[in-house]
Amino acid sequence: MDETRGMVGMHDGQVAECFYTASNGGQTAQASDVWGRGTYPYLDIHDDPYDLENPESLRKTAIVSRSVAQMSEVINTSVMALASSPA
């Protein structure tokens, strides 16, 4: 963090809301998907080859034997449960 002290991110001439993560598992996420709010056109989902080389980075592979509709239902139920739980 010392390397970026005093710096600000800018987007379209305005100060951008910036987020930090020590590790992302090899792919960034939309901030709005993580925190459930906001629109950040300057934060795209993309592969992060540097994190893939990080031995501390957790990567998991799963084989899912469900349809897209079944998985959508499971994910939506999980997200709703997380959203309604106290912080």
Foldseek 3Di string as FASTA:
>chain_A
DVVCPPHFDDDPRHTADDDDDPADLFWDDQPCVVVVDDDDPPDDIDGDVVRVPDPVRDHDDDDDPDDPVVVVVVVVVVVVVVVPDDD
